[in-house]
């Protein structure tokens, strides 16, 4: 566990093709089922201090206690995802940390010297921040996100579906994510 932001509970992968990535995880690695959110709605997002309108789709599954998040950006807005892809990369982009005290943990991380590259709030009210990794040791970003009750309820549903999953109905498209 990190002393600054808490335990890592998610591996976030940025992909160019969400459908192909889900098929890979399901067919090659046996991970699933994936729950797809075809569009994540943001109330506000700042990328390197500038307001941006990022459109993205997300698919979430679990492998044991580890959440697997697949992210596909759907537009060309500047973002940490677009930077990653434009650098010729795809794959593991960030590790995610859920917090019940977002403001305090965000302040602790920034006081420790971490800089927010992208952050904001979803329309459902979840705060999030991706910490920059452009310094002397670039690599995987850390995302801090607010463990709101609706979000954690959704994650619990996805995790429960993965336990003893028999491979059926591998890609699920719920109407509401909670």
N, C-alpha and C. Protein backbone atom coordinates (compact mmCIF):
# COMPACT_ATOMS: atom_id res chain seq x y z
N UNK A 1 0.84 -1.18 0.00
CA UNK A 1 0.00 0.00 0.00
C UNK A 1 0.88 1.24 0.00
N UNK A 2 0.48 2.23 -0.76
CA UNK A 2 1.20 3.50 -0.77
C UNK A 2 0.84 4.31 0.47
N UNK A 3 1.83 4.89 1.09
CA UNK A 3 1.59 5.74 2.26
C UNK A 3 0.91 7.05 1.86
N UNK A 4 0.97 7.40 0.59
CA UNK A 4 0.46 8.69 0.14
C UNK A 4 -0.93 8.64 -0.44
N UNK A 5 -1.30 7.53 -1.09
CA UNK A 5 -2.61 7.48 -1.72
C UNK A 5 -3.43 6.24 -1.41
N UNK A 6 -2.88 5.25 -0.73
CA UNK A 6 -3.66 4.06 -0.39
C UNK A 6 -3.36 2.89 -1.30
N UNK A 7 -4.09 1.78 -1.10
CA UNK A 7 -3.80 0.56 -1.86
C UNK A 7 -4.26 0.64 -3.32
N UNK A 8 -3.48 0.05 -4.19
CA UNK A 8 -3.83 -0.03 -5.61
C UNK A 8 -4.88 -1.11 -5.79
N UNK A 9 -5.99 -0.75 -6.44
CA UNK A 9 -7.05 -1.75 -6.65
C UNK A 9 -7.40 -1.94 -8.13
N UNK A 10 -6.74 -1.15 -9.01
CA UNK A 10 -7.12 -1.19 -10.42
C UNK A 10 -5.89 -1.08 -11.31
N UNK A 11 -5.87 -1.85 -12.39
CA UNK A 11 -4.94 -1.63 -13.49
C UNK A 11 -5.75 -1.08 -14.64
N UNK A 12 -5.37 0.10 -15.12
CA UNK A 12 -6.09 0.76 -16.21
C UNK A 12 -5.29 0.70 -17.50
N UNK A 13 -5.87 0.14 -18.53
CA UNK A 13 -5.23 -0.02 -19.83
C UNK A 13 -5.88 0.92 -20.83
N UNK A 14 -5.07 1.68 -21.56
CA UNK A 14 -5.58 2.51 -22.64
C UNK A 14 -5.42 1.71 -23.92
N UNK A 15 -6.53 1.59 -24.65
CA UNK A 15 -6.56 0.74 -25.85
C UNK A 15 -7.10 1.54 -27.03
N UNK A 16 -6.76 1.09 -28.21
CA UNK A 16 -7.26 1.74 -29.43
C UNK A 16 -8.60 1.15 -29.85
N UNK A 17 -8.86 -0.10 -29.48
CA UNK A 17 -10.08 -0.80 -29.89
C UNK A 17 -10.63 -1.56 -28.68
N UNK A 18 -11.66 -1.01 -28.08
CA UNK A 18 -12.22 -1.57 -26.86
C UNK A 18 -12.75 -2.99 -27.08
N UNK A 19 -13.43 -3.22 -28.18
CA UNK A 19 -14.00 -4.54 -28.45
C UNK A 19 -12.90 -5.59 -28.59
N UNK A 20 -11.84 -5.26 -29.31
CA UNK A 20 -10.73 -6.21 -29.49
C UNK A 20 -10.03 -6.46 -28.15
N UNK A 21 -9.87 -5.42 -27.36
CA UNK A 21 -9.21 -5.58 -26.06
C UNK A 21 -10.03 -6.48 -25.14
N UNK A 22 -11.33 -6.29 -25.12
CA UNK A 22 -12.17 -7.15 -24.29
C UNK A 22 -12.08 -8.60 -24.75
N UNK A 23 -12.14 -8.82 -26.07
CA UNK A 23 -12.03 -10.18 -26.59
C UNK A 23 -10.71 -10.83 -26.15
N UNK A 24 -9.62 -10.06 -26.21
CA UNK A 24 -8.33 -10.58 -25.78
C UNK A 24 -8.37 -11.02 -24.32
N UNK A 25 -8.86 -10.14 -23.46
CA UNK A 25 -8.89 -10.46 -22.03
C UNK A 25 -9.78 -11.68 -21.75
N UNK A 26 -10.90 -11.77 -22.47
CA UNK A 26 -11.84 -12.88 -22.26
C UNK A 26 -11.29 -14.18 -22.85
N UNK A 27 -10.87 -14.14 -24.12
CA UNK A 27 -10.49 -15.36 -24.83
C UNK A 27 -9.09 -15.86 -24.50
N UNK A 28 -8.15 -14.95 -24.33
CA UNK A 28 -6.76 -15.35 -24.10
C UNK A 28 -6.47 -15.51 -22.61
N UNK A 29 -6.98 -14.60 -21.80
CA UNK A 29 -6.65 -14.59 -20.38
C UNK A 29 -7.76 -15.14 -19.49
N UNK A 30 -8.96 -15.32 -20.05
CA UNK A 30 -10.06 -15.88 -19.26
C UNK A 30 -10.62 -14.94 -18.21
N UNK A 31 -10.42 -13.64 -18.40
CA UNK A 31 -10.91 -12.64 -17.45
C UNK A 31 -12.24 -12.09 -17.93
N UNK A 32 -13.20 -11.97 -17.02
CA UNK A 32 -14.49 -11.42 -17.36
C UNK A 32 -15.47 -11.72 -16.25
N UNK A 33 -16.70 -11.38 -16.47
CA UNK A 33 -17.23 -10.66 -17.62
C UNK A 33 -16.92 -9.17 -17.54
N UNK A 34 -16.90 -8.53 -18.70
CA UNK A 34 -16.68 -7.09 -18.78
C UNK A 34 -18.02 -6.37 -18.83
N UNK A 35 -18.09 -5.29 -18.09
CA UNK A 35 -19.24 -4.39 -18.11
C UNK A 35 -18.82 -3.14 -18.86
N UNK A 36 -19.57 -2.81 -19.90
CA UNK A 36 -19.20 -1.72 -20.80
C UNK A 36 -20.04 -0.48 -20.50
N UNK A 37 -19.34 0.63 -20.35
CA UNK A 37 -19.98 1.95 -20.30
C UNK A 37 -19.61 2.63 -21.61
N UNK A 38 -20.55 2.74 -22.56
CA UNK A 38 -20.21 3.25 -23.88
C UNK A 38 -19.79 4.72 -23.90
N UNK A 39 -20.13 5.43 -22.83
CA UNK A 39 -19.71 6.83 -22.73
C UNK A 39 -19.68 7.22 -21.26
N UNK A 40 -18.55 7.73 -20.83
CA UNK A 40 -18.42 8.27 -19.48
C UNK A 40 -18.70 9.75 -19.58
N UNK A 41 -19.64 10.23 -18.77
CA UNK A 41 -20.01 11.64 -18.81
C UNK A 41 -19.27 12.41 -17.74
N UNK A 42 -18.59 13.46 -18.17
CA UNK A 42 -17.83 14.31 -17.26
C UNK A 42 -18.55 15.62 -17.03
N UNK A 43 -18.58 16.08 -15.78
CA UNK A 43 -19.09 17.42 -15.48
C UNK A 43 -18.02 18.44 -15.79
N UNK A 44 -16.77 18.07 -15.46
CA UNK A 44 -15.63 18.93 -15.77
C UNK A 44 -14.37 18.08 -15.84
N UNK A 45 -13.49 18.45 -16.75
CA UNK A 45 -12.19 17.80 -16.85
C UNK A 45 -11.16 18.85 -17.23
N UNK A 46 -10.06 18.85 -16.50
CA UNK A 46 -8.93 19.71 -16.81
C UNK A 46 -7.75 18.83 -17.19
N UNK A 47 -7.14 19.15 -18.31
CA UNK A 47 -5.93 18.47 -18.75
C UNK A 47 -4.82 19.50 -18.77
N UNK A 48 -3.84 19.31 -17.91
CA UNK A 48 -2.71 20.24 -17.79
C UNK A 48 -3.19 21.68 -17.65
N UNK A 49 -4.26 21.84 -16.84
CA UNK A 49 -4.79 23.16 -16.50
C UNK A 49 -5.81 23.74 -17.46
N UNK A 50 -6.09 23.05 -18.56
CA UNK A 50 -7.04 23.54 -19.56
C UNK A 50 -8.29 22.68 -19.58
N UNK A 51 -9.45 23.33 -19.67
CA UNK A 51 -10.71 22.59 -19.76
C UNK A 51 -10.75 21.82 -21.08
N UNK A 52 -11.16 20.56 -21.01
CA UNK A 52 -11.26 19.72 -22.19
C UNK A 52 -12.56 18.93 -22.15
N UNK A 53 -13.01 18.50 -23.32
CA UNK A 53 -14.21 17.67 -23.44
C UNK A 53 -13.79 16.31 -23.97
N UNK A 54 -13.47 15.42 -23.05
CA UNK A 54 -13.02 14.08 -23.42
C UNK A 54 -14.23 13.16 -23.54
N UNK A 55 -14.28 12.43 -24.63
CA UNK A 55 -15.30 11.42 -24.82
C UNK A 55 -14.61 10.07 -24.79
N UNK A 56 -15.09 9.18 -23.92
CA UNK A 56 -14.44 7.89 -23.80
C UNK A 56 -15.42 6.81 -23.41
N UNK A 57 -15.06 5.58 -23.77
CA UNK A 57 -15.80 4.39 -23.38
C UNK A 57 -14.90 3.59 -22.44
N UNK A 58 -15.52 2.87 -21.52
CA UNK A 58 -14.78 2.11 -20.52
C UNK A 58 -15.41 0.73 -20.38
N UNK A 59 -14.58 -0.27 -20.19
CA UNK A 59 -15.04 -1.62 -19.87
C UNK A 59 -14.31 -2.06 -18.61
N UNK A 60 -15.04 -2.68 -17.69
CA UNK A 60 -14.49 -3.06 -16.39
C UNK A 60 -14.78 -4.52 -16.10
N UNK A 61 -13.76 -5.21 -15.58
CA UNK A 61 -13.89 -6.60 -15.13
C UNK A 61 -12.96 -6.78 -13.93
N UNK A 62 -12.99 -7.95 -13.35
CA UNK A 62 -12.10 -8.27 -12.23
C UNK A 62 -11.37 -9.57 -12.49
N UNK A 63 -10.15 -9.62 -12.00
CA UNK A 63 -9.37 -10.84 -11.91
C UNK A 63 -9.03 -10.96 -10.43
N UNK A 64 -9.77 -11.78 -9.70
CA UNK A 64 -9.64 -11.82 -8.24
C UNK A 64 -10.04 -10.48 -7.66
N UNK A 65 -9.16 -9.90 -6.85
CA UNK A 65 -9.45 -8.59 -6.25
C UNK A 65 -8.99 -7.43 -7.12
N UNK A 66 -8.30 -7.71 -8.24
CA UNK A 66 -7.76 -6.66 -9.10
C UNK A 66 -8.76 -6.29 -10.17
N UNK A 67 -9.09 -5.01 -10.22
CA UNK A 67 -9.99 -4.53 -11.26
C UNK A 67 -9.19 -4.25 -12.53
N UNK A 68 -9.72 -4.70 -13.64
CA UNK A 68 -9.15 -4.43 -14.96
C UNK A 68 -10.05 -3.41 -15.63
N UNK A 69 -9.49 -2.26 -15.97
CA UNK A 69 -10.25 -1.21 -16.64
C UNK A 69 -9.64 -0.99 -18.01
N UNK A 70 -10.47 -1.02 -19.04
CA UNK A 70 -10.05 -0.76 -20.41
C UNK A 70 -10.66 0.57 -20.83
N UNK A 71 -9.84 1.48 -21.34
CA UNK A 71 -10.28 2.82 -21.70
C UNK A 71 -9.99 3.06 -23.17
N UNK A 72 -11.01 3.49 -23.91
CA UNK A 72 -10.82 3.92 -25.30
C UNK A 72 -11.35 5.34 -25.43
N UNK A 73 -10.45 6.26 -25.78
CA UNK A 73 -10.90 7.63 -26.02
C UNK A 73 -11.56 7.67 -27.39
N UNK A 74 -12.69 8.37 -27.47
CA UNK A 74 -13.49 8.37 -28.69
C UNK A 74 -13.34 9.64 -29.52
N UNK A 75 -12.62 10.63 -28.99
CA UNK A 75 -12.41 11.86 -29.75
C UNK A 75 -10.93 12.25 -29.67
N UNK A 76 -10.58 13.39 -30.26
CA UNK A 76 -9.19 13.83 -30.32
C UNK A 76 -8.85 14.89 -29.29
N UNK A 77 -9.66 15.05 -28.26
CA UNK A 77 -9.38 16.06 -27.23
C UNK A 77 -8.05 15.73 -26.54
N UNK A 78 -7.30 16.76 -26.19
CA UNK A 78 -6.06 16.51 -25.44
C UNK A 78 -6.38 15.81 -24.12
N UNK A 79 -5.57 14.80 -23.77
CA UNK A 79 -5.80 14.04 -22.54
C UNK A 79 -4.58 13.20 -22.23
N UNK A 80 -4.57 12.63 -21.03
CA UNK A 80 -3.50 11.70 -20.68
C UNK A 80 -3.58 10.44 -21.54
N UNK A 81 -4.77 10.08 -21.97
CA UNK A 81 -4.93 8.90 -22.82
C UNK A 81 -4.37 9.16 -24.22
N UNK A 82 -4.71 10.32 -24.78
CA UNK A 82 -4.24 10.68 -26.11
C UNK A 82 -2.72 10.83 -26.12
N UNK A 83 -2.16 11.45 -25.10
CA UNK A 83 -0.70 11.57 -24.99
C UNK A 83 -0.05 10.18 -25.04
N UNK A 84 -0.61 9.26 -24.31
CA UNK A 84 -0.10 7.90 -24.23
C UNK A 84 -0.12 7.24 -25.61
N UNK A 85 -1.27 7.31 -26.28
CA UNK A 85 -1.39 6.71 -27.61
C UNK A 85 -0.51 7.42 -28.63
N UNK A 86 -0.46 8.76 -28.57
CA UNK A 86 0.36 9.52 -29.51
C UNK A 86 1.85 9.22 -29.35
N UNK A 87 2.25 8.77 -28.18
CA UNK A 87 3.65 8.39 -27.94
C UNK A 87 3.93 6.98 -28.46
N UNK A 88 2.93 6.38 -29.13
CA UNK A 88 3.11 5.06 -29.70
C UNK A 88 2.87 3.92 -28.73
N UNK A 89 2.24 4.24 -27.62
CA UNK A 89 2.00 3.22 -26.60
C UNK A 89 0.54 2.78 -26.60
N UNK A 90 0.30 1.64 -26.04
CA UNK A 90 -1.03 1.13 -25.72
C UNK A 90 -0.78 0.10 -24.64
N UNK A 91 -1.73 -0.08 -23.75
CA UNK A 91 -1.57 -1.05 -22.68
C UNK A 91 -1.67 -0.40 -21.32
N UNK A 92 -0.91 -0.94 -20.34
CA UNK A 92 -1.02 -0.45 -18.98
C UNK A 92 -0.67 1.03 -18.92
N UNK A 93 -1.63 1.82 -18.51
CA UNK A 93 -1.50 3.28 -18.47
C UNK A 93 -1.46 3.82 -17.05
N UNK A 94 -2.31 3.26 -16.19
CA UNK A 94 -2.37 3.76 -14.82
C UNK A 94 -2.77 2.65 -13.85
N UNK A 95 -2.44 2.90 -12.60
CA UNK A 95 -2.96 2.10 -11.51
C UNK A 95 -3.92 2.99 -10.74
N UNK A 96 -5.02 2.42 -10.30
CA UNK A 96 -6.07 3.20 -9.66
C UNK A 96 -6.17 2.93 -8.18
N UNK A 97 -6.44 4.01 -7.45
CA UNK A 97 -6.60 3.97 -6.01
C UNK A 97 -7.93 4.62 -5.67
N UNK A 98 -8.80 3.89 -4.98
CA UNK A 98 -10.09 4.44 -4.54
C UNK A 98 -9.91 5.03 -3.15
N UNK A 99 -10.55 6.16 -2.91
CA UNK A 99 -10.45 6.80 -1.60
C UNK A 99 -11.81 7.26 -1.12
N UNK A 100 -12.02 7.10 0.16
CA UNK A 100 -13.25 7.59 0.79
C UNK A 100 -13.13 9.04 1.21
N UNK A 101 -11.93 9.59 1.17
CA UNK A 101 -11.69 10.99 1.54
C UNK A 101 -10.85 11.64 0.45
N UNK A 102 -11.50 11.89 -0.67
CA UNK A 102 -10.83 12.37 -1.88
C UNK A 102 -10.05 13.67 -1.63
N UNK A 103 -10.68 14.66 -1.02
CA UNK A 103 -10.02 15.95 -0.83
C UNK A 103 -8.76 15.82 0.02
N UNK A 104 -8.84 15.06 1.10
CA UNK A 104 -7.68 14.88 1.97
C UNK A 104 -6.56 14.12 1.28
N UNK A 105 -6.91 13.04 0.58
CA UNK A 105 -5.88 12.25 -0.09
C UNK A 105 -5.27 12.99 -1.27
N UNK A 106 -6.07 13.77 -1.98
CA UNK A 106 -5.54 14.59 -3.07
C UNK A 106 -4.57 15.62 -2.51
N UNK A 107 -4.94 16.27 -1.41
CA UNK A 107 -4.06 17.25 -0.79
C UNK A 107 -2.77 16.60 -0.29
N UNK A 108 -2.87 15.41 0.30
CA UNK A 108 -1.68 14.69 0.79
C UNK A 108 -0.74 14.36 -0.36
N UNK A 109 -1.29 13.89 -1.46
CA UNK A 109 -0.46 13.52 -2.61
C UNK A 109 0.22 14.74 -3.22
N UNK A 110 -0.51 15.82 -3.36
CA UNK A 110 0.10 17.02 -3.94
C UNK A 110 1.12 17.64 -2.98
N UNK A 111 0.87 17.56 -1.69
CA UNK A 111 1.84 18.05 -0.71
C UNK A 111 3.12 17.22 -0.76
N UNK A 112 2.98 15.96 -1.15
CA UNK A 112 4.14 15.08 -1.28
C UNK A 112 4.91 15.35 -2.58
N UNK A 113 4.37 16.20 -3.44
CA UNK A 113 5.06 16.57 -4.67
C UNK A 113 4.47 16.02 -5.94
N UNK A 114 3.38 15.26 -5.84
CA UNK A 114 2.73 14.75 -7.05
C UNK A 114 1.94 15.88 -7.70
N UNK A 115 1.97 15.91 -9.02
CA UNK A 115 1.29 16.95 -9.79
C UNK A 115 0.15 16.33 -10.58
N UNK A 116 -1.01 16.97 -10.56
CA UNK A 116 -2.15 16.46 -11.31
C UNK A 116 -2.00 16.85 -12.78
N UNK A 117 -1.97 15.83 -13.65
CA UNK A 117 -1.91 16.05 -15.09
C UNK A 117 -3.32 16.21 -15.66
N UNK A 118 -4.27 15.45 -15.11
CA UNK A 118 -5.66 15.50 -15.57
C UNK A 118 -6.54 15.18 -14.38
N UNK A 119 -7.61 15.92 -14.25
CA UNK A 119 -8.52 15.66 -13.15
C UNK A 119 -9.86 16.31 -13.40
N UNK A 120 -10.78 16.04 -12.50
CA UNK A 120 -12.10 16.61 -12.62
C UNK A 120 -13.13 15.81 -11.88
N UNK A 121 -14.34 15.82 -12.44
CA UNK A 121 -15.47 15.16 -11.82
C UNK A 121 -16.39 14.62 -12.90
N UNK A 122 -16.92 13.41 -12.66
CA UNK A 122 -17.91 12.87 -13.57
C UNK A 122 -19.27 13.52 -13.27
N UNK A 123 -20.20 13.35 -14.18
CA UNK A 123 -21.56 13.89 -13.93
C UNK A 123 -22.20 13.19 -12.73
N UNK A 124 -21.79 11.97 -12.44
CA UNK A 124 -22.31 11.25 -11.28
C UNK A 124 -21.67 11.75 -9.97
N UNK A 125 -20.68 12.63 -10.08
CA UNK A 125 -20.09 13.25 -8.89
C UNK A 125 -18.79 12.66 -8.40
N UNK A 126 -18.19 11.75 -9.15
CA UNK A 126 -16.94 11.12 -8.73
C UNK A 126 -15.75 11.99 -9.11
N UNK A 127 -14.97 12.40 -8.11
CA UNK A 127 -13.74 13.14 -8.37
C UNK A 127 -12.63 12.19 -8.77
N UNK A 128 -11.73 12.67 -9.64
CA UNK A 128 -10.61 11.85 -10.08
C UNK A 128 -9.42 12.74 -10.41
N UNK A 129 -8.22 12.18 -10.25
CA UNK A 129 -6.99 12.89 -10.58
C UNK A 129 -5.95 11.88 -11.05
N UNK A 130 -5.34 12.17 -12.19
CA UNK A 130 -4.21 11.39 -12.68
C UNK A 130 -2.95 12.20 -12.38
N UNK A 131 -2.00 11.57 -11.68
CA UNK A 131 -0.78 12.27 -11.34
C UNK A 131 0.25 12.11 -12.46
N UNK A 132 0.90 13.23 -12.76
CA UNK A 132 1.87 13.29 -13.84
C UNK A 132 3.01 12.30 -13.60
N UNK A 133 3.52 11.76 -14.68
CA UNK A 133 4.65 10.85 -14.59
C UNK A 133 5.74 11.25 -15.58
N UNK A 134 5.86 12.53 -15.86
CA UNK A 134 6.78 13.01 -16.89
C UNK A 134 8.16 13.38 -16.34
N UNK A 135 8.42 13.12 -15.07
CA UNK A 135 9.68 13.52 -14.46
C UNK A 135 10.84 12.61 -14.82
N UNK A 136 11.76 12.43 -13.88
CA UNK A 136 12.96 11.64 -14.11
C UNK A 136 12.67 10.16 -14.31
N UNK A 137 11.53 9.68 -13.81
CA UNK A 137 11.19 8.27 -13.90
C UNK A 137 9.80 8.09 -14.51
N UNK A 138 9.65 8.38 -15.82
CA UNK A 138 8.32 8.24 -16.41
C UNK A 138 7.88 6.79 -16.41
N UNK A 139 6.60 6.62 -16.36
CA UNK A 139 6.04 5.27 -16.35
C UNK A 139 4.56 5.33 -16.13
N UNK A 140 4.04 4.33 -15.51
CA UNK A 140 2.61 4.22 -15.28
C UNK A 140 2.12 5.32 -14.35
N UNK A 141 1.01 5.95 -14.72
CA UNK A 141 0.41 6.99 -13.88
C UNK A 141 -0.33 6.36 -12.71
N UNK A 142 -0.61 7.19 -11.72
CA UNK A 142 -1.48 6.80 -10.61
C UNK A 142 -2.75 7.64 -10.73
N UNK A 143 -3.89 6.98 -10.67
CA UNK A 143 -5.18 7.67 -10.66
C UNK A 143 -5.76 7.54 -9.26
N UNK A 144 -6.13 8.66 -8.70
CA UNK A 144 -6.85 8.69 -7.43
C UNK A 144 -8.30 9.00 -7.77
N UNK A 145 -9.22 8.17 -7.30
CA UNK A 145 -10.63 8.47 -7.58
C UNK A 145 -11.47 8.29 -6.32
N UNK A 146 -12.54 9.03 -6.30
CA UNK A 146 -13.42 9.08 -5.15
C UNK A 146 -14.31 7.84 -5.10
N UNK A 147 -14.30 7.16 -3.98
CA UNK A 147 -15.09 5.95 -3.79
C UNK A 147 -16.51 6.33 -3.39
N UNK A 148 -17.26 6.87 -4.34
CA UNK A 148 -18.64 7.25 -4.06
C UNK A 148 -19.49 5.98 -3.91
N UNK A 149 -20.56 6.04 -3.13
CA UNK A 149 -21.40 4.84 -2.96
C UNK A 149 -21.92 4.25 -4.28
N UNK A 150 -22.42 5.06 -5.23
CA UNK A 150 -22.89 4.44 -6.48
C UNK A 150 -21.76 3.75 -7.26
N UNK A 151 -20.59 4.37 -7.29
CA UNK A 151 -19.47 3.78 -8.02
C UNK A 151 -19.04 2.47 -7.36
N UNK A 152 -18.92 2.47 -6.06
CA UNK A 152 -18.47 1.27 -5.37
C UNK A 152 -19.52 0.16 -5.45
N UNK A 153 -20.80 0.53 -5.50
CA UNK A 153 -21.86 -0.46 -5.69
C UNK A 153 -21.72 -1.12 -7.07
N UNK A 154 -21.43 -0.31 -8.07
CA UNK A 154 -21.22 -0.84 -9.42
C UNK A 154 -20.01 -1.77 -9.44
N UNK A 155 -18.90 -1.33 -8.83
CA UNK A 155 -17.70 -2.17 -8.79
C UNK A 155 -17.97 -3.49 -8.07
N UNK A 156 -18.74 -3.45 -6.99
CA UNK A 156 -19.07 -4.67 -6.25
C UNK A 156 -19.87 -5.63 -7.14
N UNK A 157 -20.77 -5.08 -7.94
CA UNK A 157 -21.56 -5.90 -8.86
C UNK A 157 -20.66 -6.57 -9.89
N UNK A 158 -19.72 -5.81 -10.44
CA UNK A 158 -18.81 -6.36 -11.44
C UNK A 158 -17.93 -7.43 -10.82
N UNK A 159 -17.41 -7.15 -9.63
CA UNK A 159 -16.54 -8.12 -8.94
C UNK A 159 -17.31 -9.40 -8.62
N UNK A 160 -18.53 -9.27 -8.13
CA UNK A 160 -19.34 -10.44 -7.80
C UNK A 160 -19.59 -11.30 -9.04
N UNK A 161 -19.80 -10.65 -10.18
CA UNK A 161 -20.05 -11.40 -11.42
C UNK A 161 -18.82 -12.20 -11.85
N UNK A 162 -17.63 -11.71 -11.47
CA UNK A 162 -16.40 -12.40 -11.88
C UNK A 162 -16.11 -13.64 -11.03
N UNK A 163 -16.66 -13.68 -9.84
CA UNK A 163 -16.40 -14.82 -8.95
C UNK A 163 -17.13 -16.05 -9.50
N UNK A 164 -16.40 -17.10 -9.72
CA UNK A 164 -16.94 -18.34 -10.28
C UNK A 164 -17.57 -18.14 -11.66
N UNK A 165 -17.11 -17.15 -12.40
CA UNK A 165 -17.64 -16.90 -13.74
C UNK A 165 -17.35 -18.10 -14.63
N UNK A 166 -18.35 -18.54 -15.36
CA UNK A 166 -18.21 -19.74 -16.19
C UNK A 166 -17.90 -19.45 -17.66
N UNK A 167 -17.65 -18.20 -17.99
CA UNK A 167 -17.33 -17.83 -19.36
C UNK A 167 -18.53 -17.39 -20.19
N UNK A 168 -19.73 -17.55 -19.65
CA UNK A 168 -20.92 -17.15 -20.40
C UNK A 168 -21.13 -15.63 -20.31
N UNK A 169 -21.79 -15.09 -21.32
CA UNK A 169 -22.14 -13.67 -21.35
C UNK A 169 -20.93 -12.79 -20.99
N UNK A 170 -19.84 -12.89 -21.79
CA UNK A 170 -18.58 -12.26 -21.41
C UNK A 170 -18.55 -10.73 -21.50
N UNK A 171 -19.43 -10.16 -22.34
CA UNK A 171 -19.45 -8.71 -22.50
C UNK A 171 -20.87 -8.23 -22.23
N UNK A 172 -21.00 -7.45 -21.17
CA UNK A 172 -22.31 -7.00 -20.70
C UNK A 172 -22.44 -5.50 -20.87
N UNK A 173 -23.57 -5.09 -21.34
CA UNK A 173 -23.80 -3.67 -21.62
C UNK A 173 -25.00 -3.19 -20.82
N UNK A 174 -24.77 -2.89 -19.54
CA UNK A 174 -25.90 -2.46 -18.68
C UNK A 174 -26.43 -1.11 -19.13
N UNK A 175 -27.71 -0.91 -18.88
CA UNK A 175 -28.33 0.38 -19.23
C UNK A 175 -27.87 1.48 -18.31
N UNK A 176 -27.71 1.15 -17.02
CA UNK A 176 -27.26 2.13 -16.04
C UNK A 176 -26.15 1.53 -15.22
N UNK A 177 -25.11 2.32 -14.93
CA UNK A 177 -23.96 1.81 -14.20
C UNK A 177 -24.11 2.01 -12.71
N UNK A 178 -25.06 2.74 -12.26
CA UNK A 178 -25.24 2.93 -10.83
C UNK A 178 -24.57 4.12 -10.28
